[in-house]
Amino acid sequence: TIDEVVFAEPGDQVLLGARTLEGLNLTVDSARKKL
């Protein structure tokens, strides 16, 4: 997908956020800990 991404600074977490997940058409399978 194409999305807006934050320029994380040192010390920031590297995150895959909700907007990107929606654009990728992926969801969280919490039991198996995977997309």
PDB file of all heavy atoms in Angstrom:
ATOM      1  N   THR A   1       0.849  -1.181   0.000  1.00  0.00           N
ATOM      2  CA  THR A   1       0.000   0.000   0.000  1.00  0.00           C
ATOM      3  C   THR A   1       0.887   1.234   0.000  1.00  0.00           C
ATOM      4  O   THR A   1       2.081   1.156   0.299  1.00  0.00           O
ATOM      5  CB  THR A   1      -0.943   0.006   1.228  1.00  0.00           C
ATOM      6  OG1 THR A   1      -1.927   1.038   1.069  1.00  0.00           O
ATOM      7  CG2 THR A   1      -0.176   0.238   2.524  1.00  0.00           C
ATOM      8  N   ILE A   2       0.320   2.368  -0.316  1.00  0.00           N
ATOM      9  CA  ILE A   2       1.026   3.642  -0.138  1.00  0.00           C
ATOM     10  C   ILE A   2       0.416   4.311   1.088  1.00  0.00           C
ATOM     11  O   ILE A   2      -0.792   4.213   1.317  1.00  0.00           O
ATOM     12  CB  ILE A   2       0.925   4.543  -1.383  1.00  0.00           C
ATOM     13  CG1 ILE A   2       1.864   5.745  -1.249  1.00  0.00           C
ATOM     14  CG2 ILE A   2      -0.497   4.962  -1.651  1.00  0.00           C
ATOM     15  CD1 ILE A   2       2.092   6.517  -2.531  1.00  0.00           C
ATOM     16  N   ASP A   3       1.274   4.928   1.888  1.00  0.00           N
ATOM     17  CA  ASP A   3       0.763   5.524   3.128  1.00  0.00           C
ATOM     18  C   ASP A   3       1.686   6.649   3.581  1.00  0.00           C
ATOM     19  O   ASP A   3       2.803   6.802   3.085  1.00  0.00           O
ATOM     20  CB  ASP A   3       0.672   4.462   4.225  1.00  0.00           C
ATOM     21  CG  ASP A   3      -0.288   4.829   5.349  1.00  0.00           C
ATOM     22  OD1 ASP A   3      -0.894   5.922   5.309  1.00  0.00           O
ATOM     23  OD2 ASP A   3      -0.428   4.029   6.281  1.00  0.00           O
ATOM     24  N   GLU A   4       1.193   7.411   4.547  1.00  0.00           N
ATOM     25  CA  GLU A   4       2.012   8.403   5.220  1.00  0.00           C
ATOM     26  C   GLU A   4       2.840   7.666   6.263  1.00  0.00           C
ATOM     27  O   GLU A   4       2.316   6.786   6.953  1.00  0.00           O
ATOM     28  CB  GLU A   4       1.130   9.462   5.878  1.00  0.00           C
ATOM     29  CG  GLU A   4       0.322  10.246   4.858  1.00  0.00           C
ATOM     30  CD  GLU A   4      -0.574  11.284   5.498  1.00  0.00           C
ATOM     31  OE1 GLU A   4      -0.252  11.778   6.600  1.00  0.00           O
ATOM     32  OE2 GLU A   4      -1.602  11.602   4.895  1.00  0.00           O
ATOM     33  N   VAL A   5       4.126   8.006   6.352  1.00  0.00           N
ATOM     34  CA  VAL A   5       5.019   7.374   7.325  1.00  0.00           C
ATOM     35  C   VAL A   5       5.731   8.449   8.136  1.00  0.00           C
ATOM     36  O   VAL A   5       6.097   9.493   7.616  1.00  0.00           O
ATOM     37  CB  VAL A   5       6.052   6.444   6.650  1.00  0.00           C
ATOM     38  CG1 VAL A   5       5.374   5.233   6.039  1.00  0.00           C
ATOM     39  CG2 VAL A   5       6.868   7.174   5.598  1.00  0.00           C
ATOM     40  N   VAL A   6       5.912   8.145   9.408  1.00  0.00           N
ATOM     41  CA  VAL A   6       6.579   9.073  10.319  1.00  0.00           C
ATOM     42  C   VAL A   6       8.084   8.833  10.258  1.00  0.00           C
ATOM     43  O   VAL A   6       8.541   7.688  10.262  1.00  0.00           O
ATOM     44  CB  VAL A   6       6.074   8.875  11.761  1.00  0.00           C
ATOM     45  CG1 VAL A   6       6.841   9.762  12.743  1.00  0.00           C
ATOM     46  CG2 VAL A   6       4.577   9.141  11.841  1.00  0.00           C
ATOM     47  N   PHE A   7       8.852   9.907  10.201  1.00  0.00           N
ATOM     48  CA  PHE A   7      10.310   9.856  10.296  1.00  0.00           C
ATOM     49  C   PHE A   7      10.668   9.677  11.768  1.00  0.00           C
ATOM     50  O   PHE A   7      10.796  10.645  12.514  1.00  0.00           O
ATOM     51  CB  PHE A   7      10.933  11.144   9.760  1.00  0.00           C
ATOM     52  CG  PHE A   7      10.966  11.249   8.267  1.00  0.00           C
ATOM     53  CD1 PHE A   7       9.801  11.486   7.535  1.00  0.00           C
ATOM     54  CD2 PHE A   7      12.161  11.116   7.577  1.00  0.00           C
ATOM     55  CE1 PHE A   7       9.834  11.582   6.156  1.00  0.00           C
ATOM     56  CE2 PHE A   7      12.201  11.210   6.202  1.00  0.00           C
ATOM     57  CZ  PHE A   7      11.038  11.441   5.482  1.00  0.00           C
ATOM     58  N   ALA A   8      10.788   8.417  12.197  1.00  0.00           N
ATOM     59  CA  ALA A   8      11.090   8.124  13.598  1.00  0.00           C
ATOM     60  C   ALA A   8      12.502   8.587  13.939  1.00  0.00           C
ATOM     61  O   ALA A   8      13.418   8.488  13.118  1.00  0.00           O
ATOM     62  CB  ALA A   8      10.938   6.633  13.860  1.00  0.00           C
ATOM     63  N   GLU A   9      12.666   9.087  15.138  1.00  0.00           N
ATOM     64  CA  GLU A   9      13.957   9.546  15.632  1.00  0.00           C
ATOM     65  C   GLU A   9      14.575   8.479  16.527  1.00  0.00           C
ATOM     66  O   GLU A   9      13.864   7.572  16.990  1.00  0.00           O
ATOM     67  CB  GLU A   9      13.771  10.866  16.385  1.00  0.00           C
ATOM     68  CG  GLU A   9      13.282  11.986  15.476  1.00  0.00           C
ATOM     69  CD  GLU A   9      13.112  13.317  16.193  1.00  0.00           C
ATOM     70  OE1 GLU A   9      13.392  13.394  17.418  1.00  0.00           O
ATOM     71  OE2 GLU A   9      12.693  14.272  15.530  1.00  0.00           O
ATOM     72  N   PRO A  10      15.882   8.581  16.790  1.00  0.00           N
ATOM     73  CA  PRO A  10      16.511   7.608  17.695  1.00  0.00           C
ATOM     74  C   PRO A  10      15.740   7.525  19.008  1.00  0.00           C
ATOM     75  O   PRO A  10      15.343   8.544  19.579  1.00  0.00           O
ATOM     76  CB  PRO A  10      17.916   8.176  17.894  1.00  0.00           C
ATOM     77  CG  PRO A  10      18.187   8.937  16.624  1.00  0.00           C
ATOM     78  CD  PRO A  10      16.848   9.549  16.255  1.00  0.00           C
ATOM     79  N   GLY A  11      15.490   6.308  19.459  1.00  0.00           N
ATOM     80  CA  GLY A  11      14.725   6.080  20.677  1.00  0.00           C
ATOM     81  C   GLY A  11      13.249   5.823  20.434  1.00  0.00           C
ATOM     82  O   GLY A  11      12.560   5.310  21.318  1.00  0.00           O
ATOM     83  N   ASP A  12      12.741   6.198  19.250  1.00  0.00           N
ATOM     84  CA  ASP A  12      11.347   5.925  18.915  1.00  0.00           C
ATOM     85  C   ASP A  12      11.179   4.451  18.559  1.00  0.00           C
ATOM     86  O   ASP A  12      12.093   3.831  18.007  1.00  0.00           O
ATOM     87  CB  ASP A  12      10.888   6.756  17.705  1.00  0.00           C
ATOM     88  CG  ASP A  12      10.760   8.235  17.989  1.00  0.00           C
ATOM     89  OD1 ASP A  12      10.717   8.629  19.170  1.00  0.00           O
ATOM     90  OD2 ASP A  12      10.697   9.008  17.006  1.00  0.00           O
ATOM     91  N   GLN A  13       9.999   3.911  18.820  1.00  0.00           N
ATOM     92  CA  GLN A  13       9.665   2.555  18.396  1.00  0.00           C
ATOM     93  C   GLN A  13       9.462   2.538  16.878  1.00  0.00           C
ATOM     94  O   GLN A  13       8.968   3.507  16.300  1.00  0.00           O
ATOM     95  CB  GLN A  13       8.361   2.104  19.050  1.00  0.00           C
ATOM     96  CG  GLN A  13       8.463   1.885  20.518  1.00  0.00           C
ATOM     97  CD  GLN A  13       8.415   0.397  20.865  1.00  0.00           C
ATOM     98  OE1 GLN A  13       8.453  -0.467  20.011  1.00  0.00           O
ATOM     99  NE2 GLN A  13       8.322   0.130  22.129  1.00  0.00           N
ATOM    100  N   VAL A  14       9.818   1.438  16.259  1.00  0.00           N
ATOM    101  CA  VAL A  14       9.501   1.209  14.852  1.00  0.00           C
ATOM    102  C   VAL A  14       8.155   0.497  14.846  1.00  0.00           C
ATOM    103  O   VAL A  14       8.007  -0.579  15.432  1.00  0.00           O
ATOM    104  CB  VAL A  14      10.592   0.363  14.159  1.00  0.00           C
ATOM    105  CG1 VAL A  14      10.227   0.098  12.718  1.00  0.00           C
ATOM    106  CG2 VAL A  14      11.938   1.065  14.260  1.00  0.00           C
ATOM    107  N   LEU A  15       7.148   1.130  14.224  1.00  0.00           N
ATOM    108  CA  LEU A  15       5.771   0.649  14.328  1.00  0.00           C
ATOM    109  C   LEU A  15       5.137   0.446  12.964  1.00  0.00           C
ATOM    110  O   LEU A  15       5.372   1.231  12.037  1.00  0.00           O
ATOM    111  CB  LEU A  15       4.905   1.677  15.081  1.00  0.00           C
ATOM    112  CG  LEU A  15       5.350   2.097  16.468  1.00  0.00           C
ATOM    113  CD1 LEU A  15       4.481   3.253  16.963  1.00  0.00           C
ATOM    114  CD2 LEU A  15       5.279   0.924  17.421  1.00  0.00           C
ATOM    115  N   LEU A  16       4.304  -0.554  12.862  1.00  0.00           N
ATOM    116  CA  LEU A  16       3.425  -0.750  11.711  1.00  0.00           C
ATOM    117  C   LEU A  16       2.028  -0.421  12.221  1.00  0.00           C
ATOM    118  O   LEU A  16       1.453  -1.160  13.019  1.00  0.00           O
ATOM    119  CB  LEU A  16       3.504  -2.191  11.211  1.00  0.00           C
ATOM    120  CG  LEU A  16       2.808  -2.477   9.892  1.00  0.00           C
ATOM    121  CD1 LEU A  16       3.505  -1.728   8.749  1.00  0.00           C
ATOM    122  CD2 LEU A  16       2.811  -3.968   9.601  1.00  0.00           C
ATOM    123  N   GLY A  17       1.509   0.732  11.803  1.00  0.00           N
ATOM    124  CA  GLY A  17       0.279   1.267  12.367  1.00  0.00           C
ATOM    125  C   GLY A  17      -0.999   0.830  11.669  1.00  0.00           C
ATOM    126  O   GLY A  17      -0.986   0.170  10.626  1.00  0.00           O
ATOM    127  N   ALA A  18      -2.118   1.247  12.254  1.00  0.00           N
ATOM    128  CA  ALA A  18      -3.448   0.822  11.822  1.00  0.00           C
ATOM    129  C   ALA A  18      -3.771   1.250  10.392  1.00  0.00           C
ATOM    130  O   ALA A  18      -4.382   0.485   9.642  1.00  0.00           O
ATOM    131  CB  ALA A  18      -4.497   1.365  12.789  1.00  0.00           C
ATOM    132  N   ARG A  19      -3.379   2.468  10.004  1.00  0.00           N
ATOM    133  CA  ARG A  19      -3.692   2.922   8.643  1.00  0.00           C
ATOM    134  C   ARG A  19      -3.013   2.038   7.614  1.00  0.00           C
ATOM    135  O   ARG A  19      -3.611   1.676   6.603  1.00  0.00           O
ATOM    136  CB  ARG A  19      -3.228   4.374   8.452  1.00  0.00           C
ATOM    137  CG  ARG A  19      -4.067   5.375   9.190  1.00  0.00           C
ATOM    138  CD  ARG A  19      -3.462   6.756   9.135  1.00  0.00           C
ATOM    139  NE  ARG A  19      -2.912   7.075   7.825  1.00  0.00           N
ATOM    140  CZ  ARG A  19      -3.034   8.257   7.235  1.00  0.00           C
ATOM    141  NH1 ARG A  19      -3.672   9.224   7.850  1.00  0.00           N
ATOM    142  NH2 ARG A  19      -2.496   8.481   6.072  1.00  0.00           N
ATOM    143  N   THR A  20      -1.758   1.695   7.869  1.00  0.00           N
ATOM    144  CA  THR A  20      -1.021   0.836   6.941  1.00  0.00           C
ATOM    145  C   THR A  20      -1.644  -0.550   6.898  1.00  0.00           C
ATOM    146  O   THR A  20      -1.824  -1.126   5.814  1.00  0.00           O
ATOM    147  CB  THR A  20       0.461   0.760   7.331  1.00  0.00           C
ATOM    148  OG1 THR A  20       1.019   2.082   7.311  1.00  0.00           O
ATOM    149  CG2 THR A  20       1.240  -0.129   6.378  1.00  0.00           C
ATOM    150  N   LEU A  21      -1.991  -1.094   8.061  1.00  0.00           N
ATOM    151  CA  LEU A  21      -2.620  -2.419   8.101  1.00  0.00           C
ATOM    152  C   LEU A  21      -3.909  -2.428   7.288  1.00  0.00           C
ATOM    153  O   LEU A  21      -4.180  -3.367   6.541  1.00  0.00           O
ATOM    154  CB  LEU A  21      -2.896  -2.851   9.540  1.00  0.00           C
ATOM    155  CG  LEU A  21      -1.670  -3.162  10.376  1.00  0.00           C
ATOM    156  CD1 LEU A  21      -2.068  -3.372  11.835  1.00  0.00           C
ATOM    157  CD2 LEU A  21      -0.927  -4.367   9.842  1.00  0.00           C
ATOM    158  N   GLU A  22      -4.689  -1.371   7.408  1.00  0.00           N
ATOM    159  CA  GLU A  22      -5.933  -1.291   6.638  1.00  0.00           C
ATOM    160  C   GLU A  22      -5.638  -1.219   5.147  1.00  0.00           C
ATOM    161  O   GLU A  22      -6.276  -1.901   4.341  1.00  0.00           O
ATOM    162  CB  GLU A  22      -6.754  -0.082   7.087  1.00  0.00           C
ATOM    163  CG  GLU A  22      -8.121  -0.046   6.446  1.00  0.00           C
ATOM    164  CD  GLU A  22      -9.023   1.014   7.048  1.00  0.00           C
ATOM    165  OE1 GLU A  22      -8.922   1.286   8.256  1.00  0.00           O
ATOM    166  OE2 GLU A  22      -9.839   1.564   6.292  1.00  0.00           O
ATOM    167  N   GLY A  23      -4.660  -0.412   4.771  1.00  0.00           N
ATOM    168  CA  GLY A  23      -4.280  -0.312   3.360  1.00  0.00           C
ATOM    169  C   GLY A  23      -3.748  -1.624   2.803  1.00  0.00           C
ATOM    170  O   GLY A  23      -3.962  -1.946   1.627  1.00  0.00           O
ATOM    171  N   LEU A  24      -3.037  -2.373   3.637  1.00  0.00           N
ATOM    172  CA  LEU A  24      -2.514  -3.681   3.226  1.00  0.00           C
ATOM    173  C   LEU A  24      -3.613  -4.739   3.168  1.00  0.00           C
ATOM    174  O   LEU A  24      -3.394  -5.831   2.657  1.00  0.00           O
ATOM    175  CB  LEU A  24      -1.433  -4.147   4.212  1.00  0.00           C
ATOM    176  CG  LEU A  24      -0.136  -3.336   4.249  1.00  0.00           C
ATOM    177  CD1 LEU A  24       0.683  -3.731   5.476  1.00  0.00           C
ATOM    178  CD2 LEU A  24       0.657  -3.522   2.974  1.00  0.00           C
ATOM    179  N   ASN A  25      -4.781  -4.419   3.733  1.00  0.00           N
ATOM    180  CA  ASN A  25      -5.896  -5.357   3.881  1.00  0.00           C
ATOM    181  C   ASN A  25      -5.470  -6.582   4.699  1.00  0.00           C
ATOM    182  O   ASN A  25      -5.781  -7.716   4.360  1.00  0.00           O
ATOM    183  CB  ASN A  25      -6.494  -5.767   2.532  1.00  0.00           C
ATOM    184  CG  ASN A  25      -7.850  -6.415   2.681  1.00  0.00           C
ATOM    185  OD1 ASN A  25      -8.616  -6.067   3.572  1.00  0.00           O
ATOM    186  ND2 ASN A  25      -8.149  -7.366   1.823  1.00  0.00           N
ATOM    187  N   LEU A  26      -4.730  -6.277   5.784  1.00  0.00           N
ATOM    188  CA  LEU A  26      -4.302  -7.325   6.713  1.00  0.00           C
ATOM    189  C   LEU A  26      -4.907  -7.043   8.080  1.00  0.00           C
ATOM    190  O   LEU A  26      -5.155  -5.883   8.436  1.00  0.00           O
ATOM    191  CB  LEU A  26      -2.776  -7.352   6.831  1.00  0.00           C
ATOM    192  CG  LEU A  26      -2.008  -7.699   5.564  1.00  0.00           C
ATOM    193  CD1 LEU A  26      -0.509  -7.555   5.785  1.00  0.00           C
ATOM    194  CD2 LEU A  26      -2.350  -9.114   5.087  1.00  0.00           C
ATOM    195  N   THR A  27      -5.125  -8.100   8.838  1.00  0.00           N
ATOM    196  CA  THR A  27      -5.643  -7.967  10.194  1.00  0.00           C
ATOM    197  C   THR A  27      -4.797  -8.823  11.128  1.00  0.00           C
ATOM    198  O   THR A  27      -4.070  -9.710  10.678  1.00  0.00           O
ATOM    199  CB  THR A  27      -7.141  -8.364  10.255  1.00  0.00           C
ATOM    200  OG1 THR A  27      -7.674  -7.995  11.525  1.00  0.00           O
ATOM    201  CG2 THR A  27      -7.348  -9.847  10.007  1.00  0.00           C
ATOM    202  N   VAL A  28      -4.917  -8.552  12.404  1.00  0.00           N
ATOM    203  CA  VAL A  28      -4.125  -9.252  13.406  1.00  0.00           C
ATOM    204  C   VAL A  28      -4.825 -10.544  13.826  1.00  0.00           C
ATOM    205  O   VAL A  28      -5.994 -10.528  14.205  1.00  0.00           O
ATOM    206  CB  VAL A  28      -3.904  -8.351  14.642  1.00  0.00           C
ATOM    207  CG1 VAL A  28      -3.234  -9.113  15.769  1.00  0.00           C
ATOM    208  CG2 VAL A  28      -3.098  -7.115  14.259  1.00  0.00           C
ATOM    209  N   ASP A  29      -4.092 -11.649  13.750  1.00  0.00           N
ATOM    210  CA  ASP A  29      -4.532 -12.915  14.349  1.00  0.00           C
ATOM    211  C   ASP A  29      -3.798 -12.991  15.678  1.00  0.00           C
ATOM    212  O   ASP A  29      -2.636 -13.390  15.741  1.00  0.00           O
ATOM    213  CB  ASP A  29      -4.168 -14.096  13.445  1.00  0.00           C
ATOM    214  CG  ASP A  29      -4.600 -15.440  14.018  1.00  0.00           C
ATOM    215  OD1 ASP A  29      -4.718 -15.560  15.259  1.00  0.00           O
ATOM    216  OD2 ASP A  29      -4.792 -16.376  13.226  1.00  0.00           O
ATOM    217  N   SER A  30      -4.482 -12.567  16.746  1.00  0.00           N
ATOM    218  CA  SER A  30      -3.816 -12.447  18.051  1.00  0.00           C
ATOM    219  C   SER A  30      -3.439 -13.800  18.641  1.00  0.00           C
ATOM    220  O   SER A  30      -2.453 -13.903  19.364  1.00  0.00           O
ATOM    221  CB  SER A  30      -4.666 -11.650  19.028  1.00  0.00           C
ATOM    222  OG  SER A  30      -5.943 -12.217  19.161  1.00  0.00           O
ATOM    223  N   ALA A  31      -4.198 -14.840  18.340  1.00  0.00           N
ATOM    224  CA  ALA A  31      -3.879 -16.165  18.880  1.00  0.00           C
ATOM    225  C   ALA A  31      -2.565 -16.692  18.312  1.00  0.00           C
ATOM    226  O   ALA A  31      -1.764 -17.287  19.027  1.00  0.00           O
ATOM    227  CB  ALA A  31      -5.012 -17.150  18.581  1.00  0.00           C
ATOM    228  N   ARG A  32      -2.354 -16.457  17.020  1.00  0.00           N
ATOM    229  CA  ARG A  32      -1.134 -16.955  16.373  1.00  0.00           C
ATOM    230  C   ARG A  32      -0.046 -15.888  16.252  1.00  0.00           C
ATOM    231  O   ARG A  32       1.032 -16.157  15.740  1.00  0.00           O
ATOM    232  CB  ARG A  32      -1.465 -17.525  14.997  1.00  0.00           C
ATOM    233  CG  ARG A  32      -2.381 -18.733  15.092  1.00  0.00           C
ATOM    234  CD  ARG A  32      -2.591 -19.411  13.765  1.00  0.00           C
ATOM    235  NE  ARG A  32      -3.265 -18.519  12.816  1.00  0.00           N
ATOM    236  CZ  ARG A  32      -3.370 -18.753  11.520  1.00  0.00           C
ATOM    237  NH1 ARG A  32      -2.857 -19.821  10.990  1.00  0.00           N
ATOM    238  NH2 ARG A  32      -4.011 -17.906  10.747  1.00  0.00           N
ATOM    239  N   LYS A  33      -0.364 -14.669  16.712  1.00  0.00           N
ATOM    240  CA  LYS A  33       0.577 -13.551  16.655  1.00  0.00           C
ATOM    241  C   LYS A  33       1.165 -13.386  15.256  1.00  0.00           C
ATOM    242  O   LYS A  33       2.380 -13.433  15.042  1.00  0.00           O
ATOM    243  CB  LYS A  33       1.686 -13.700  17.701  1.00  0.00           C
ATOM    244  CG  LYS A  33       1.171 -13.584  19.110  1.00  0.00           C
ATOM    245  CD  LYS A  33       2.296 -13.520  20.112  1.00  0.00           C
ATOM    246  CE  LYS A  33       1.727 -13.323  21.494  1.00  0.00           C
ATOM    247  NZ  LYS A  33       2.747 -13.139  22.483  1.00  0.00           N
ATOM    248  N   LYS A  34       0.253 -13.161  14.305  1.00  0.00           N
ATOM    249  CA  LYS A  34       0.680 -12.923  12.929  1.00  0.00           C
ATOM    250  C   LYS A  34      -0.384 -12.119  12.199  1.00  0.00           C
ATOM    251  O   LYS A  34      -1.515 -11.980  12.678  1.00  0.00           O
ATOM    252  CB  LYS A  34       0.978 -14.235  12.211  1.00  0.00           C
ATOM    253  CG  LYS A  34      -0.206 -15.151  12.030  1.00  0.00           C
ATOM    254  CD  LYS A  34       0.191 -16.473  11.407  1.00  0.00           C
ATOM    255  CE  LYS A  34      -0.011 -16.427   9.917  1.00  0.00           C
ATOM    256  NZ  LYS A  34       0.238 -17.678   9.221  1.00  0.00           N
ATOM    257  N   LEU A  35      -0.002 -11.587  11.058  1.00  0.00           N
ATOM    258  CA  LEU A  35      -0.939 -10.865  10.212  1.00  0.00           C
ATOM    259  C   LEU A  35      -1.539 -11.846   9.207  1.00  0.00           C
ATOM    260  O   LEU A  35      -0.848 -12.701   8.670  1.00  0.00           O
ATOM    261  CB  LEU A  35      -0.224  -9.730   9.480  1.00  0.00           C
ATOM    262  CG  LEU A  35       0.348  -8.640  10.371  1.00  0.00           C
ATOM    263  CD1 LEU A  35       1.148  -7.641   9.558  1.00  0.00           C
ATOM    264  CD2 LEU A  35      -0.773  -7.932  11.131  1.00  0.00           C
TER     265      LEU A  35
END
